[in-house]
Amino acid sequence: MKKIIVSDITLKAIKEQDLSLTFREKLAISESLDKAKVDSICLPCLSNSKEDEVIYRTIASSINNATVMIEVGACEDGVKTASECVKNSLKSGLQVAMPVSTAQMEYFYHAKAPVMLGKIKELIEKYQPATLFTDGEWSHESSVWHSTEFLQWLYNESSVKDFIVPNDRWGKETRGRQ
């Protein structure tokens, strides 16, 4: 029997809609989701405010069951800050937002897929996330993203090979297959 993983994006969606909640409301939502046994609580990208860092640290330390996920970009500063915020949680993950097309990779990062995967490998080795969520699989087959080679490294050679849980978005033919 397959396990269904439930990820909640309430706090992420609220921020995307430019709605605001108090510190206590954000914490209460997170604690309620944890009690409801969701598998992961997705938080939006950190802004440059210390307030976000404090609430994310507080949420991470108060969650007992769910994985606390923070969306980050591919720059190391964002990953480092987000990693610091969730380091005291029982389970944490960073959702690295990477370009969704080869054109975006070349335009924004001046790199092709193998170079971007090298950057992801560096981030994985340095911050050792428990989960890895990729997106953008609809635009190309897994061969364009070099997914097979990357996943072989992830499961056979990486320092997180014994515990990391990736999603199924590694090419447009891979969704629903793990």
Foldseek 3Di string as FASTA:
>chain_A
DDDDAAEDAVQVVCVVVVHDDDLVVVLVVLQVVLVVQHAEYEHEQDDPDVVSLVSLLVSQQNRAHHEYEYEAELDVVSLVSNLVSNVNHPAYAYEYAYDLDQVCCCVVVVDALVVSLVSVLVSCQVRVHLEYEYDNQQPFALVRNVQVVSVCCCCPPHPNNVGYHYAQRRHNVGHPHD
